Amino acid sequence: MNRNFRIILATAIYILGLVVSVYVGGWVLLLKPVKEMIAAYTLGTLTLPQLVISVAKCISSMTVAGLIWCMGYMASNHIFDSRDE
C-alpha cells in the first residue's frame, strides 16, 4: 500500500474511533440515562431498577469510551506504524 494512503486511512480510523467513543460514552451511556432519569423523576415514574441501571451506565461510560477509543487507536497504529519505515 502507498505510504500516503496508509497515513490517511490510519487517521480516518483514529478519528472514527474518537467520534464513536464520544457518542457511545458521552451520549448513550452518560447523558441519555441522566436525561431519562430526570424525566422519569419529574413524571413520578422513576423505579429502583431504572435508577440502578442508569447509575451503572453512568459509572461505566468513561471505561467503555476509553475502550472504544483504544481500539481505534490500535487499529490506526496497525495500519500505519512509523517504525515500518
C-alpha atoms as a PDB file:
ATOM      1  CA  MET A   1       0.000   0.000   0.000  1.00  0.00           C
ATOM      2  CA  ASN A   2       1.096   3.536  -0.659  1.00  0.00           C
ATOM      3  CA  ARG A   3       2.529   5.361   2.386  1.00  0.00           C
ATOM      4  CA  ASN A   4       0.252   8.406   2.000  1.00  0.00           C
ATOM      5  CA  PHE A   5      -2.829   6.211   1.628  1.00  0.00           C
ATOM      6  CA  ARG A   6      -1.914   4.351   4.823  1.00  0.00           C
ATOM      7  CA  ILE A   7      -1.491   7.647   6.689  1.00  0.00           C
ATOM      8  CA  ILE A   8      -4.886   8.911   5.511  1.00  0.00           C
ATOM      9  CA  LEU A   9      -6.584   5.599   6.318  1.00  0.00           C
ATOM     10  CA  ALA A  10      -4.969   5.423   9.768  1.00  0.00           C
ATOM     11  CA  THR A  11      -6.046   9.000  10.520  1.00  0.00           C
ATOM     12  CA  ALA A  12      -9.606   8.314   9.373  1.00  0.00           C
ATOM     13  CA  ILE A  13      -9.820   5.195  11.571  1.00  0.00           C
ATOM     14  CA  TYR A  14      -8.421   7.091  14.552  1.00  0.00           C
ATOM     15  CA  ILE A  15     -10.963   9.921  14.105  1.00  0.00           C
ATOM     16  CA  LEU A  16     -13.775   7.384  13.651  1.00  0.00           C
ATOM     17  CA  GLY A  17     -12.784   5.664  16.899  1.00  0.00           C
ATOM     18  CA  LEU A  18     -12.699   9.005  18.688  1.00  0.00           C
ATOM     19  CA  VAL A  19     -16.125  10.057  17.401  1.00  0.00           C
ATOM     20  CA  VAL A  20     -17.710   6.692  18.197  1.00  0.00           C
ATOM     21  CA  SER A  21     -16.222   6.719  21.707  1.00  0.00           C
ATOM     22  CA  VAL A  22     -17.611  10.198  22.393  1.00  0.00           C
ATOM     23  CA  TYR A  23     -21.026   9.176  21.060  1.00  0.00           C
ATOM     24  CA  VAL A  24     -21.267   5.892  22.959  1.00  0.00           C
ATOM     25  CA  GLY A  25     -19.556   7.008  26.164  1.00  0.00           C
ATOM     26  CA  GLY A  26     -20.898  10.535  26.253  1.00  0.00           C
ATOM     27  CA  TRP A  27     -24.386  10.300  24.842  1.00  0.00           C
ATOM     28  CA  VAL A  28     -25.610   6.695  25.028  1.00  0.00           C
ATOM     29  CA  LEU A  29     -24.135   5.808  28.424  1.00  0.00           C
ATOM     30  CA  LEU A  30     -23.943   9.166  30.229  1.00  0.00           C
ATOM     31  CA  LEU A  31     -26.269  11.923  29.061  1.00  0.00           C
ATOM     32  CA  LYS A  32     -29.197   9.864  27.796  1.00  0.00           C
ATOM     33  CA  PRO A  33     -29.691   7.866  31.050  1.00  0.00           C
ATOM     34  CA  VAL A  34     -29.436  11.062  33.100  1.00  0.00           C
ATOM     35  CA  LYS A  35     -31.999  12.739  30.847  1.00  0.00           C
ATOM     36  CA  GLU A  36     -34.329   9.730  31.162  1.00  0.00           C
ATOM     37  CA  MET A  37     -33.918   9.658  34.956  1.00  0.00           C
ATOM     38  CA  ILE A  38     -34.780  13.343  35.235  1.00  0.00           C
ATOM     39  CA  ALA A  39     -37.841  12.870  33.029  1.00  0.00           C
ATOM     40  CA  ALA A  40     -38.998   9.817  34.998  1.00  0.00           C
ATOM     41  CA  TYR A  41     -38.470  11.605  38.315  1.00  0.00           C
ATOM     42  CA  THR A  42     -40.410  14.621  37.064  1.00  0.00           C
ATOM     43  CA  LEU A  43     -43.292  12.399  35.956  1.00  0.00           C
ATOM     44  CA  GLY A  44     -43.136  10.388  39.186  1.00  0.00           C
ATOM     45  CA  THR A  45     -42.438   7.084  37.427  1.00  0.00           C
ATOM     46  CA  LEU A  46     -38.833   6.506  38.480  1.00  0.00           C
ATOM     47  CA  THR A  47     -38.320   2.910  39.643  1.00  0.00           C
ATOM     48  CA  LEU A  48     -35.431   1.371  41.536  1.00  0.00           C
ATOM     49  CA  PRO A  49     -34.300  -0.910  38.662  1.00  0.00           C
ATOM     50  CA  GLN A  50     -34.290   2.080  36.291  1.00  0.00           C
ATOM     51  CA  LEU A  51     -32.222   4.062  38.793  1.00  0.00           C
ATOM     52  CA  VAL A  52     -29.716   1.226  39.316  1.00  0.00           C
ATOM     53  CA  ILE A  53     -29.284   0.625  35.579  1.00  0.00           C
ATOM     54  CA  SER A  54     -28.818   4.330  34.909  1.00  0.00           C
ATOM     55  CA  VAL A  55     -26.210   4.676  37.653  1.00  0.00           C
ATOM     56  CA  ALA A  56     -24.345   1.620  36.330  1.00  0.00           C
ATOM     57  CA  LYS A  57     -24.360   3.103  32.829  1.00  0.00           C
ATOM     58  CA  CYS A  58     -23.030   6.415  34.101  1.00  0.00           C
ATOM     59  CA  ILE A  59     -20.261   4.746  36.093  1.00  0.00           C
ATOM     60  CA  SER A  60     -19.137   2.574  33.177  1.00  0.00           C
ATOM     61  CA  SER A  61     -19.460   5.262  30.496  1.00  0.00           C
ATOM     62  CA  MET A  62     -15.873   6.509  30.599  1.00  0.00           C
ATOM     63  CA  THR A  63     -14.451   2.981  30.720  1.00  0.00           C
ATOM     64  CA  VAL A  64     -16.406   1.988  27.617  1.00  0.00           C
ATOM     65  CA  ALA A  65     -15.452   5.244  25.865  1.00  0.00           C
ATOM     66  CA  GLY A  66     -11.794   4.600  26.655  1.00  0.00           C
ATOM     67  CA  LEU A  67     -12.029   1.043  25.375  1.00  0.00           C
ATOM     68  CA  ILE A  68     -13.570   2.136  22.070  1.00  0.00           C
ATOM     69  CA  TRP A  69     -11.003   4.918  21.647  1.00  0.00           C
ATOM     70  CA  CYS A  70      -8.177   2.499  22.434  1.00  0.00           C
ATOM     71  CA  MET A  71      -9.433   0.013  19.831  1.00  0.00           C
ATOM     72  CA  GLY A  72      -9.488   2.788  17.201  1.00  0.00           C
ATOM     73  CA  TYR A  73      -6.000   3.875  18.234  1.00  0.00           C
ATOM     74  CA  MET A  74      -4.636   0.336  17.997  1.00  0.00           C
ATOM     75  CA  ALA A  75      -6.290  -0.205  14.615  1.00  0.00           C
ATOM     76  CA  SER A  76      -4.798   3.004  13.246  1.00  0.00           C
ATOM     77  CA  ASN A  77      -1.357   2.039  14.566  1.00  0.00           C
ATOM     78  CA  HIS A  78      -1.733  -1.388  12.982  1.00  0.00           C
ATOM     79  CA  ILE A  79      -2.368   0.207   9.597  1.00  0.00           C
ATOM     80  CA  PHE A  80       0.396   2.780   9.833  1.00  0.00           C
ATOM     81  CA  ASP A  81       3.289   2.294  12.173  1.00  0.00           C
ATOM     82  CA  SER A  82       6.120   4.807  11.820  1.00  0.00           C
ATOM     83  CA  ARG A  83       8.634   2.095  12.758  1.00  0.00           C
ATOM     84  CA  ASP A  84       7.909   0.348   9.444  1.00  0.00           C
ATOM     85  CA  GLU A  85       9.817   2.985   7.525  1.00  0.00           C
END
